[in-house]
Protein backbone atom coordinates (compact mmCIF):
# COMPACT_ATOMS: atom_id res chain seq x y z
CA MET A 1 64.38 100.00 212.96
CA ASN A 2 63.78 96.78 211.08
CA ARG A 3 62.12 94.17 213.48
CA ARG A 4 62.01 90.41 212.73
CA ILE A 5 58.14 89.39 213.00
CA LEU A 6 56.87 85.95 213.29
CA ILE A 7 53.19 85.14 212.73
CA THR A 8 51.86 81.96 214.37
CA LEU A 9 48.72 80.11 213.46
CA CYS A 10 47.72 77.06 215.40
CA THR A 11 45.50 74.78 213.32
CA TYR A 12 43.14 71.82 213.38
CA ASN A 13 41.12 71.29 210.25
CA GLU A 14 41.64 74.74 208.74
CA ARG A 15 42.74 73.94 205.34
CA GLU A 16 40.07 75.76 203.38
CA ASN A 17 40.66 78.93 205.41
CA LEU A 18 44.52 78.71 205.48
CA GLU A 19 44.63 78.46 201.59
CA GLN A 20 43.18 82.17 201.51
CA LEU A 21 44.42 83.44 204.79
CA ILE A 22 48.27 83.17 204.09
CA PRO A 23 48.23 85.37 200.99
CA GLU A 24 46.23 87.91 202.85
CA ILE A 25 48.76 88.00 205.62
CA ARG A 26 51.48 88.45 202.96
CA MET A 27 49.70 91.37 201.63
CA SER A 28 49.20 92.97 205.09
CA LEU A 29 52.52 92.37 206.48
CA PRO A 30 54.87 91.17 203.70
CA GLU A 31 57.95 91.17 205.79
CA ALA A 32 56.68 88.73 208.31
CA HIS A 33 57.70 85.16 208.67
CA ILE A 34 54.78 82.75 209.18
CA LEU A 35 54.69 79.52 211.29
CA VAL A 36 51.90 76.99 211.30
CA VAL A 37 51.50 74.54 214.10
CA ASP A 38 49.20 71.83 212.90
CA ASP A 39 47.89 69.03 215.11
CA LYS A 40 47.78 66.37 212.45
CA SER A 41 44.64 67.79 210.92
CA PRO A 42 42.48 65.11 209.15
CA ASP A 43 41.45 67.56 206.47
CA GLY A 44 45.19 67.95 205.26
CA THR A 45 46.03 71.36 206.53
CA GLY A 46 49.53 70.22 207.11
CA ALA A 47 49.79 68.87 203.35
CA LEU A 48 48.48 72.31 202.16
CA VAL A 49 51.25 74.12 204.12
CA LYS A 50 53.87 72.03 202.54
CA GLU A 51 52.50 72.85 199.08
CA MET A 52 52.44 76.45 199.80
CA GLN A 53 56.10 76.41 201.13
CA GLN A 54 57.23 75.91 197.73
CA ASP A 55 56.29 79.44 196.80
CA ASN A 56 56.73 80.90 200.32
CA PRO A 57 60.28 80.52 201.57
CA ALA A 58 59.28 82.38 204.86
CA LEU A 59 56.48 79.99 205.56
CA PHE A 60 57.22 77.14 208.32
CA LEU A 61 55.37 74.26 209.61
CA ILE A 62 55.48 72.37 212.95
CA GLU A 63 53.54 68.99 212.59
CA ARG A 64 52.53 67.41 215.77
CA SER A 65 51.20 63.90 216.35
CA GLY A 66 47.66 64.61 217.13
CA LYS A 67 45.30 67.20 218.75
CA GLN A 68 47.03 68.18 222.00
CA GLY A 69 45.25 71.35 222.90
CA LEU A 70 45.45 75.17 221.84
CA GLY A 71 47.61 76.09 224.80
CA THR A 72 50.39 73.52 224.15
CA ALA A 73 50.27 74.42 220.41
CA THR A 74 50.86 78.13 221.24
CA VAL A 75 53.65 77.41 223.66
CA ALA A 76 55.42 75.33 220.93
CA ALA A 77 55.07 78.32 218.70
CA PHE A 78 56.50 80.68 221.33
CA ARG A 79 59.44 78.27 221.92
CA TRP A 80 60.06 78.27 218.21
CA GLY A 81 60.09 82.01 217.98
CA ILE A 82 62.47 82.54 221.04
CA GLU A 83 64.76 79.86 219.39
CA LYS A 84 64.82 81.65 216.23
CA GLU A 85 65.46 84.88 218.05
CA PHE A 86 62.45 86.96 216.50
CA ASP A 87 61.72 90.39 217.93
CA TYR A 88 57.81 90.28 217.81
CA LEU A 89 55.55 87.30 217.65
CA ILE A 90 51.89 87.83 216.45
CA ASN A 91 49.40 85.00 217.34
CA MET A 92 46.19 84.95 215.57
CA ASP A 93 43.33 82.47 214.58
CA ALA A 94 43.34 80.77 211.18
CA ASP A 95 39.60 81.06 210.53
CA PHE A 96 39.48 84.81 209.35
CA SER A 97 38.02 86.04 212.72
CA HIS A 98 41.09 87.87 213.12
CA PRO A 99 41.40 89.92 209.97
CA PRO A 100 44.97 90.46 208.62
CA ARG A 101 44.30 94.04 207.98
CA TYR A 102 44.87 94.83 211.64
CA LEU A 103 48.46 93.31 211.71
CA PRO A 104 50.16 96.71 210.94
CA ASP A 105 48.22 98.34 213.88
CA LEU A 106 49.60 95.66 216.38
CA VAL A 107 53.09 96.13 215.29
CA LYS A 108 52.81 99.84 215.43
CA ALA A 109 51.47 99.58 219.06
CA MET A 110 54.61 97.65 220.17
CA ASP A 111 56.56 100.97 220.32
CA ASP A 112 54.87 101.38 223.83
CA ALA A 113 54.18 98.03 224.76
CA ASP A 114 55.47 94.45 225.39
CA VAL A 115 51.95 92.73 224.64
CA ALA A 116 49.62 94.40 222.17
CA ILE A 117 46.16 93.01 222.30
CA ALA A 118 43.57 93.22 219.34
CA SER A 119 40.64 94.15 221.53
CA ARG A 120 36.93 93.69 220.93
CA TYR A 121 36.07 95.46 224.10
CA VAL A 122 38.01 98.92 223.91
CA GLU A 123 36.36 101.88 222.14
CA GLY A 124 36.26 101.23 218.29
CA GLY A 125 36.17 97.47 218.91
CA GLU A 126 33.45 95.53 217.52
CA ILE A 127 31.87 91.86 217.17
CA GLU A 128 30.13 90.70 214.06
CA GLY A 129 27.53 87.91 213.97
CA TRP A 130 27.26 87.00 217.68
CA GLY A 131 24.04 86.28 219.48
CA LEU A 132 23.10 87.26 223.11
CA LYS A 133 24.50 84.00 224.63
CA ARG A 134 27.92 84.29 222.97
CA HIS A 135 28.15 87.82 224.14
CA LEU A 136 27.24 87.08 227.78
CA MET A 137 29.65 84.20 227.82
CA SER A 138 32.52 86.32 226.64
CA ARG A 139 31.73 89.09 228.67
CA GLY A 140 31.37 86.84 231.80
CA ILE A 141 34.77 84.99 231.23
CA ASN A 142 36.52 88.40 230.94
CA CYS A 143 35.16 89.81 234.04
CA TYR A 144 36.01 86.54 235.96
CA ALA A 145 39.45 86.66 234.63
CA ARG A 146 40.02 90.40 235.61
CA LEU A 147 38.68 89.56 239.01
CA LEU A 148 40.75 86.42 239.87
CA LEU A 149 43.89 87.30 238.01
CA ARG A 150 43.86 91.03 238.64
CA LEU A 151 44.30 92.00 234.85
CA LYS A 152 43.43 95.48 233.81
CA THR A 153 43.06 94.74 230.05
CA LYS A 154 39.52 94.41 228.85
CA ASP A 155 39.97 91.81 226.28
CA ASN A 156 41.68 88.63 227.96
CA SER A 157 39.98 85.82 226.11
CA GLY A 158 41.09 86.67 222.51
CA SER A 159 44.20 85.33 220.83
CA TYR A 160 45.01 88.09 218.48
CA ARG A 161 48.01 89.54 220.05
CA CYS A 162 51.49 90.73 219.52
CA TYR A 163 54.23 89.74 222.03
CA ARG A 164 57.78 90.90 222.50
CA VAL A 165 59.73 87.85 222.27
CA SER A 166 62.48 88.76 224.79
CA ARG A 167 59.72 89.12 227.44
CA LEU A 168 58.22 85.77 226.41
CA ALA A 169 61.57 84.31 227.07
CA GLU A 170 61.50 85.34 230.67
CA LEU A 171 58.51 83.00 231.35
CA ASP A 172 58.70 79.47 232.63
CA PHE A 173 56.45 77.68 230.01
CA ASP A 174 56.61 74.35 232.18
CA LYS A 175 54.46 76.12 234.66
CA ILE A 176 51.50 76.70 232.41
CA VAL A 177 48.48 74.55 233.36
CA SER A 178 45.97 75.46 230.67
CA ARG A 179 46.04 73.09 227.58
CA GLY A 180 43.00 74.90 226.04
CA TYR A 181 41.26 78.06 225.68
CA ALA A 182 42.10 79.29 229.19
CA PHE A 183 45.61 79.64 227.99
CA GLN A 184 44.73 83.08 226.59
CA GLU A 185 43.91 84.43 230.12
CA GLU A 186 46.80 82.53 231.66
CA ILE A 187 49.60 83.91 229.38
CA LEU A 188 48.40 87.54 229.98
CA TYR A 189 48.41 86.74 233.79
CA ARG A 190 52.03 85.47 233.53
CA CYS A 191 53.09 88.36 231.54
CA ASN A 192 51.42 90.66 233.96
CA ARG A 193 53.39 89.01 236.88
CA ILE A 194 56.70 89.81 235.34
CA ASP A 195 55.48 93.57 234.68
CA CYS A 196 54.85 93.47 230.93
CA ARG A 197 53.40 96.77 229.47
CA PHE A 198 50.08 96.11 227.82
CA VAL A 199 48.09 98.14 225.13
CA GLU A 200 44.93 97.30 223.45
CA VAL A 201 44.20 98.06 219.75
CA PRO A 202 40.43 98.03 218.59
CA PHE A 203 39.47 95.65 215.96
CA LEU A 204 36.32 94.01 214.29
CA PHE A 205 36.05 90.45 215.25
CA GLU A 206 34.37 88.70 212.30
CA GLU A 207 32.69 85.31 212.05
CA ARG A 208 34.84 82.45 210.62
CA ARG A 209 34.63 81.92 207.01
CA HIS A 210 34.69 78.15 206.87
CA GLY A 211 34.35 75.10 209.22
CA SER A 212 33.13 75.20 212.81
CA SER A 213 34.32 76.49 216.30
CA LYS A 214 36.29 74.12 218.37
CA ILE A 215 34.89 75.39 221.68
CA ASN A 216 32.67 73.04 223.51
CA GLY A 217 30.78 72.97 226.91
CA MET A 218 33.57 70.71 228.65
CA GLU A 219 36.19 73.18 227.36
CA ALA A 220 34.43 76.14 228.97
CA VAL A 221 34.18 74.25 232.34
CA THR A 222 37.81 73.22 232.28
CA ALA A 223 38.72 76.94 231.57
CA LEU A 224 36.81 78.24 234.62
CA GLY A 225 38.57 75.74 236.78
CA ASN A 226 42.11 76.64 235.41
CA LEU A 227 41.32 80.31 235.86
CA PHE A 228 40.16 79.62 239.59
CA ARG A 229 43.44 77.67 240.15
CA LEU A 230 45.49 80.63 238.71
CA GLY A 231 43.68 83.11 241.02
CA MET A 232 44.87 81.08 243.94
CA GLU A 233 48.40 80.94 242.74
CA ASN A 234 48.20 84.75 242.21
CA VAL A 235 47.11 85.15 245.83
CA LEU A 236 50.10 83.00 247.05
CA ARG A 237 52.46 84.86 244.62
CA VAL A 238 54.12 81.89 243.19
CA ASP A 239 57.15 82.67 241.08
CA VAL A 240 56.48 82.48 237.37
CA ARG A 241 59.90 83.51 235.97
CA ARG A 242 62.11 81.05 234.20
CA ASP A 243 65.07 79.85 236.23
CA GLN A 244 68.20 81.51 234.73
CA ASN A 245 70.55 79.26 236.62
């Protein structure tokens, strides 16, 4: 059965990466549509996408007024995918840390799942180029998320995932509290609360090719606070489904 697939890329100053990434996505999953959500990147990322659209009819762009956070950008992509009635939505980073060669594996995994996670922490998963501090931080945040949010998945902080759009449509995005990187754990928590099926697919996380990471100390502190808040919500069992009335 043919599935309509949308790949979403949330960008801020990723022009140099995106110019190479979009052709590689096309080679790995030629049937997919691509949506770029750009927060008015000063490096001209949005302008590049407009240029590339001339030769890519399945390439789309949402330009936002400024840097508003990764979480809100991803929600904007989710809403667009739901509105356009796609079957699957694959979110990935635009810096080549999520190699496009794994896209077919994620799609295949959806035969038995509502959310397929490209995972660094299952057998066969690997990380390239990290030092001890970064490994400890990542492992720590994943343990923290599993404990507070009662998640059984091992890689909860990465964003390389495929979602069944019909299940995303069940969520109330207005209740999401995370604007930044804690969004990755929060969306899994909310999917878990509506009984989504999860599967993890091993992949090699690679270092970004160009530019620098957007994560900073304040973002990490905010993420920990948001996860604690969600843990309290989980204890109270607040409804997370979208009101259908």
